Amino acid sequence: MILDTPSRANLLAVCLYQLLLRAERPLPAGTAMIISDGMKARIVNDGNPRVMSGDGPADYTMEAGLGVLLKILAHKGPLLPAATVRVRLRGNPLKAWALLRAMRC
């Protein structure tokens, strides 16, 4: 796992990078865009997984507040229905679900 341009990475990209370092499941192939509180980060898995700050093309997008995302990702039990309702998904929902499951610590 690589964090592209760490000197320019936003808080969201750094948080996602740290969570992905502890991922116990494989990441789904493709590109995910995560949008939270005005920050954007992309997770690119094309054989060389990396986290990038900023906008760009993506296969699917997840949008939620940073507190909601961290609560979902840091919780070890089943995904919380009340919290997942607050996550807006666009694109392939199966890949988004696989990414959430992989990132949970």
N, C-alpha and C. Protein backbone atom coordinates (compact mmCIF):
# COMPACT_ATOMS: atom_id res chain seq x y z
N MET A 1 0.86 -1.17 0.00
CA MET A 1 0.00 0.00 0.00
C MET A 1 0.90 1.23 0.00
N ILE A 2 0.58 2.19 -0.84
CA ILE A 2 1.37 3.42 -0.99
C ILE A 2 0.44 4.61 -0.80
N LEU A 3 0.94 5.65 -0.14
CA LEU A 3 0.25 6.94 -0.05
C LEU A 3 0.95 7.88 -1.02
N ASP A 4 0.30 8.21 -2.15
CA ASP A 4 0.90 9.10 -3.14
C ASP A 4 1.03 10.51 -2.57
N THR A 5 2.14 11.14 -2.84
CA THR A 5 2.46 12.50 -2.39
C THR A 5 2.03 12.75 -0.94
N PRO A 6 2.68 12.09 0.03
CA PRO A 6 2.27 12.25 1.43
C PRO A 6 2.39 13.68 1.94
N SER A 7 3.26 14.49 1.36
CA SER A 7 3.40 15.87 1.83
C SER A 7 2.19 16.72 1.46
N ARG A 8 1.39 16.30 0.46
CA ARG A 8 0.20 17.04 0.05
C ARG A 8 -1.10 16.31 0.36
N ALA A 9 -1.02 15.19 1.06
CA ALA A 9 -2.21 14.38 1.33
C ALA A 9 -3.12 15.08 2.33
N ASN A 10 -4.43 15.01 2.08
CA ASN A 10 -5.38 15.57 3.03
C ASN A 10 -5.66 14.56 4.15
N LEU A 11 -6.38 15.00 5.18
CA LEU A 11 -6.65 14.17 6.35
C LEU A 11 -7.40 12.89 5.97
N LEU A 12 -8.34 12.99 5.06
CA LEU A 12 -9.11 11.82 4.63
C LEU A 12 -8.18 10.76 4.01
N ALA A 13 -7.27 11.18 3.14
CA ALA A 13 -6.35 10.24 2.49
C ALA A 13 -5.45 9.57 3.52
N VAL A 14 -4.97 10.33 4.50
CA VAL A 14 -4.10 9.76 5.53
C VAL A 14 -4.88 8.74 6.37
N CYS A 15 -6.12 9.07 6.75
CA CYS A 15 -6.95 8.13 7.53
C CYS A 15 -7.22 6.85 6.74
N LEU A 16 -7.59 6.98 5.47
CA LEU A 16 -7.85 5.81 4.64
C LEU A 16 -6.59 4.96 4.49
N TYR A 17 -5.45 5.61 4.30
CA TYR A 17 -4.19 4.89 4.17
C TYR A 17 -3.90 4.07 5.42
N GLN A 18 -4.06 4.67 6.60
CA GLN A 18 -3.80 3.96 7.85
C GLN A 18 -4.76 2.78 8.02
N LEU A 19 -6.03 2.96 7.66
CA LEU A 19 -6.99 1.87 7.76
C LEU A 19 -6.66 0.74 6.78
N LEU A 20 -6.23 1.10 5.59
CA LEU A 20 -5.92 0.09 4.58
C LEU A 20 -4.66 -0.71 4.92
N LEU A 21 -3.75 -0.10 5.66
CA LEU A 21 -2.56 -0.84 6.09
C LEU A 21 -2.93 -2.02 6.98
N ARG A 22 -4.07 -1.90 7.69
CA ARG A 22 -4.52 -2.96 8.59
C ARG A 22 -5.61 -3.84 7.98
N ALA A 23 -5.90 -3.66 6.70
CA ALA A 23 -6.97 -4.44 6.06
C ALA A 23 -6.66 -5.92 6.13
N GLU A 24 -7.65 -6.69 6.57
CA GLU A 24 -7.50 -8.13 6.68
C GLU A 24 -8.01 -8.87 5.45
N ARG A 25 -8.78 -8.21 4.62
CA ARG A 25 -9.34 -8.82 3.42
C ARG A 25 -8.76 -8.13 2.20
N PRO A 26 -8.75 -8.79 1.06
CA PRO A 26 -8.23 -8.14 -0.16
C PRO A 26 -9.15 -7.00 -0.61
N LEU A 27 -8.55 -5.97 -1.14
CA LEU A 27 -9.31 -4.84 -1.67
C LEU A 27 -9.90 -5.21 -3.03
N PRO A 28 -11.11 -4.72 -3.33
CA PRO A 28 -11.66 -4.98 -4.65
C PRO A 28 -10.86 -4.22 -5.71
N ALA A 29 -10.78 -4.80 -6.90
CA ALA A 29 -10.07 -4.14 -8.00
C ALA A 29 -10.85 -2.92 -8.45
N GLY A 30 -10.15 -1.94 -8.96
CA GLY A 30 -10.78 -0.74 -9.47
C GLY A 30 -10.42 0.48 -8.64
N THR A 31 -11.18 1.55 -8.86
CA THR A 31 -10.91 2.82 -8.20
C THR A 31 -12.15 3.28 -7.44
N ALA A 32 -11.95 3.63 -6.19
CA ALA A 32 -13.03 4.15 -5.35
C ALA A 32 -12.75 5.60 -5.01
N MET A 33 -13.76 6.44 -5.09
CA MET A 33 -13.67 7.84 -4.67
C MET A 33 -14.39 7.96 -3.34
N ILE A 34 -13.73 8.53 -2.35
CA ILE A 34 -14.34 8.76 -1.05
C ILE A 34 -14.40 10.27 -0.86
N ILE A 35 -15.60 10.78 -0.57
CA ILE A 35 -15.81 12.21 -0.35
C ILE A 35 -16.33 12.40 1.05
N SER A 36 -15.67 13.29 1.80
CA SER A 36 -16.07 13.51 3.18
C SER A 36 -15.69 14.92 3.62
N ASP A 37 -16.67 15.67 4.07
CA ASP A 37 -16.45 17.01 4.63
C ASP A 37 -15.58 17.89 3.73
N GLY A 38 -15.85 17.88 2.43
CA GLY A 38 -15.11 18.71 1.49
C GLY A 38 -13.78 18.13 1.04
N MET A 39 -13.37 17.00 1.59
CA MET A 39 -12.13 16.34 1.18
C MET A 39 -12.45 15.20 0.23
N LYS A 40 -11.53 14.95 -0.69
CA LYS A 40 -11.68 13.85 -1.64
C LYS A 40 -10.41 13.02 -1.64
N ALA A 41 -10.59 11.71 -1.68
CA ALA A 41 -9.46 10.79 -1.78
C ALA A 41 -9.89 9.62 -2.65
N ARG A 42 -8.93 9.06 -3.37
CA ARG A 42 -9.21 7.90 -4.21
C ARG A 42 -8.36 6.73 -3.76
N ILE A 43 -8.96 5.55 -3.78
CA ILE A 43 -8.25 4.31 -3.52
C ILE A 43 -8.17 3.59 -4.87
N VAL A 44 -6.97 3.42 -5.36
CA VAL A 44 -6.75 2.80 -6.67
C VAL A 44 -6.11 1.44 -6.44
N ASN A 45 -6.76 0.39 -6.92
CA ASN A 45 -6.22 -0.96 -6.81
C ASN A 45 -6.16 -1.58 -8.21
N ASP A 46 -5.00 -1.41 -8.83
CA ASP A 46 -4.77 -1.97 -10.17
C ASP A 46 -3.52 -2.85 -10.15
N GLY A 47 -3.36 -3.58 -9.07
CA GLY A 47 -2.17 -4.42 -8.90
C GLY A 47 -1.13 -3.75 -8.02
N ASN A 48 -1.16 -2.43 -7.94
CA ASN A 48 -0.27 -1.64 -7.09
C ASN A 48 -1.15 -0.71 -6.25
N PRO A 49 -1.75 -1.20 -5.15
CA PRO A 49 -2.73 -0.40 -4.41
C PRO A 49 -2.12 0.87 -3.83
N ARG A 50 -2.87 1.97 -3.97
CA ARG A 50 -2.41 3.25 -3.46
C ARG A 50 -3.58 4.15 -3.11
N VAL A 51 -3.31 5.12 -2.25
CA VAL A 51 -4.30 6.12 -1.86
C VAL A 51 -3.82 7.46 -2.39
N MET A 52 -4.72 8.20 -3.04
CA MET A 52 -4.38 9.47 -3.64
C MET A 52 -5.34 10.54 -3.13
N SER A 53 -4.82 11.73 -2.82
CA SER A 53 -5.68 12.85 -2.46
C SER A 53 -6.23 13.48 -3.73
N GLY A 54 -7.42 14.03 -3.63
CA GLY A 54 -7.99 14.78 -4.74
C GLY A 54 -8.96 14.01 -5.59
N ASP A 55 -9.39 14.69 -6.64
CA ASP A 55 -10.43 14.20 -7.55
C ASP A 55 -9.81 13.39 -8.69
N GLY A 56 -10.66 12.66 -9.38
CA GLY A 56 -10.22 11.89 -10.53
C GLY A 56 -11.27 10.86 -10.90
N PRO A 57 -11.02 10.07 -11.94
CA PRO A 57 -11.99 9.07 -12.35
C PRO A 57 -12.11 7.96 -11.31
N ALA A 58 -13.33 7.41 -11.19
CA ALA A 58 -13.57 6.35 -10.20
C ALA A 58 -14.68 5.43 -10.70
N ASP A 59 -14.61 4.17 -10.28
CA ASP A 59 -15.65 3.19 -10.61
C ASP A 59 -16.87 3.36 -9.73
N TYR A 60 -16.67 3.81 -8.50
CA TYR A 60 -17.77 4.04 -7.57
C TYR A 60 -17.35 5.09 -6.57
N THR A 61 -18.35 5.72 -5.96
CA THR A 61 -18.12 6.82 -5.02
C THR A 61 -18.90 6.58 -3.74
N MET A 62 -18.26 6.84 -2.61
CA MET A 62 -18.92 6.83 -1.31
C MET A 62 -18.79 8.22 -0.72
N GLU A 63 -19.89 8.74 -0.18
CA GLU A 63 -19.87 10.07 0.41
C GLU A 63 -20.54 10.03 1.77
N ALA A 64 -19.85 10.57 2.78
CA ALA A 64 -20.39 10.63 4.14
C ALA A 64 -19.52 11.57 4.95
N GLY A 65 -20.01 11.95 6.10
CA GLY A 65 -19.21 12.74 7.02
C GLY A 65 -18.05 11.91 7.54
N LEU A 66 -16.95 12.57 7.91
CA LEU A 66 -15.76 11.86 8.37
C LEU A 66 -16.06 11.05 9.63
N GLY A 67 -16.85 11.58 10.54
CA GLY A 67 -17.21 10.86 11.75
C GLY A 67 -17.97 9.58 11.46
N VAL A 68 -18.89 9.62 10.51
CA VAL A 68 -19.68 8.44 10.13
C VAL A 68 -18.78 7.40 9.49
N LEU A 69 -17.91 7.83 8.57
CA LEU A 69 -17.01 6.87 7.91
C LEU A 69 -16.09 6.19 8.91
N LEU A 70 -15.50 6.96 9.81
CA LEU A 70 -14.59 6.37 10.79
C LEU A 70 -15.33 5.45 11.76
N LYS A 71 -16.56 5.80 12.10
CA LYS A 71 -17.34 4.93 12.99
C LYS A 71 -17.64 3.60 12.32
N ILE A 72 -18.02 3.63 11.05
CA ILE A 72 -18.31 2.40 10.32
C ILE A 72 -17.05 1.57 10.16
N LEU A 73 -15.95 2.22 9.81
CA LEU A 73 -14.72 1.48 9.51
C LEU A 73 -14.01 0.96 10.75
N ALA A 74 -14.19 1.61 11.89
CA ALA A 74 -13.49 1.19 13.10
C ALA A 74 -14.31 0.19 13.93
N HIS A 75 -15.58 -0.01 13.59
CA HIS A 75 -16.45 -0.91 14.36
C HIS A 75 -16.20 -2.35 13.92
N LYS A 76 -16.02 -3.25 14.87
CA LYS A 76 -15.69 -4.64 14.52
C LYS A 76 -16.90 -5.54 14.29
N GLY A 77 -18.04 -5.18 14.77
CA GLY A 77 -19.23 -6.02 14.61
C GLY A 77 -19.84 -5.85 13.23
N PRO A 78 -21.09 -6.30 13.08
CA PRO A 78 -21.78 -6.13 11.80
C PRO A 78 -21.93 -4.64 11.46
N LEU A 79 -22.01 -4.34 10.18
CA LEU A 79 -22.19 -2.95 9.78
C LEU A 79 -23.47 -2.40 10.40
N LEU A 80 -23.37 -1.22 10.94
CA LEU A 80 -24.51 -0.62 11.63
C LEU A 80 -25.52 -0.08 10.63
N PRO A 81 -26.75 -0.56 10.66
CA PRO A 81 -27.74 -0.09 9.68
C PRO A 81 -27.96 1.42 9.74
N ALA A 82 -27.99 1.99 10.94
CA ALA A 82 -28.23 3.43 11.06
C ALA A 82 -27.09 4.23 10.45
N ALA A 83 -25.87 3.74 10.61
CA ALA A 83 -24.71 4.45 10.07
C ALA A 83 -24.62 4.28 8.55
N THR A 84 -24.93 3.10 8.04
CA THR A 84 -24.80 2.88 6.60
C THR A 84 -25.84 3.64 5.81
N VAL A 85 -26.95 4.00 6.44
CA VAL A 85 -27.96 4.82 5.76
C VAL A 85 -27.39 6.20 5.47
N ARG A 86 -26.45 6.65 6.28
CA ARG A 86 -25.87 7.98 6.10
C ARG A 86 -24.74 8.02 5.09
N VAL A 87 -24.44 6.90 4.45
CA VAL A 87 -23.42 6.84 3.41
C VAL A 87 -24.10 6.84 2.06
N ARG A 88 -23.74 7.78 1.21
CA ARG A 88 -24.32 7.88 -0.13
C ARG A 88 -23.40 7.15 -1.11
N LEU A 89 -23.94 6.20 -1.84
CA LEU A 89 -23.17 5.41 -2.80
C LEU A 89 -23.59 5.75 -4.22
N ARG A 90 -22.62 5.84 -5.10
CA ARG A 90 -22.88 5.99 -6.54
C ARG A 90 -21.96 5.03 -7.27
N GLY A 91 -22.46 4.34 -8.24
CA GLY A 91 -21.65 3.38 -8.98
C GLY A 91 -21.96 1.96 -8.54
N ASN A 92 -20.95 1.12 -8.49
CA ASN A 92 -21.11 -0.30 -8.19
C ASN A 92 -21.22 -0.53 -6.68
N PRO A 93 -22.42 -0.85 -6.16
CA PRO A 93 -22.58 -1.02 -4.72
C PRO A 93 -21.89 -2.28 -4.19
N LEU A 94 -21.73 -3.31 -5.01
CA LEU A 94 -21.05 -4.52 -4.55
C LEU A 94 -19.57 -4.27 -4.28
N LYS A 95 -18.93 -3.48 -5.12
CA LYS A 95 -17.53 -3.13 -4.88
C LYS A 95 -17.40 -2.22 -3.66
N ALA A 96 -18.35 -1.31 -3.49
CA ALA A 96 -18.33 -0.43 -2.31
C ALA A 96 -18.48 -1.26 -1.04
N TRP A 97 -19.36 -2.23 -1.04
CA TRP A 97 -19.56 -3.10 0.12
C TRP A 97 -18.28 -3.90 0.41
N ALA A 98 -17.63 -4.41 -0.65
CA ALA A 98 -16.38 -5.16 -0.49
C ALA A 98 -15.28 -4.27 0.08
N LEU A 99 -15.23 -3.01 -0.35
CA LEU A 99 -14.23 -2.08 0.18
C LEU A 99 -14.48 -1.80 1.66
N LEU A 100 -15.74 -1.57 2.03
CA LEU A 100 -16.05 -1.33 3.45
C LEU A 100 -15.67 -2.54 4.31
N ARG A 101 -15.96 -3.74 3.83
CA ARG A 101 -15.61 -4.95 4.58
C ARG A 101 -14.10 -5.12 4.70
N ALA A 102 -13.36 -4.80 3.65
CA ALA A 102 -11.90 -4.95 3.66
C ALA A 102 -11.25 -3.96 4.61
N MET A 103 -11.78 -2.74 4.69
CA MET A 103 -11.16 -1.67 5.46
C MET A 103 -11.45 -1.74 6.95
N ARG A 104 -12.46 -2.49 7.35
CA ARG A 104 -12.84 -2.51 8.76
C ARG A 104 -11.75 -3.16 9.59
N CYS A 105 -11.32 -2.47 10.66
CA CYS A 105 -10.24 -3.03 11.48
C CYS A 105 -10.77 -3.81 12.66
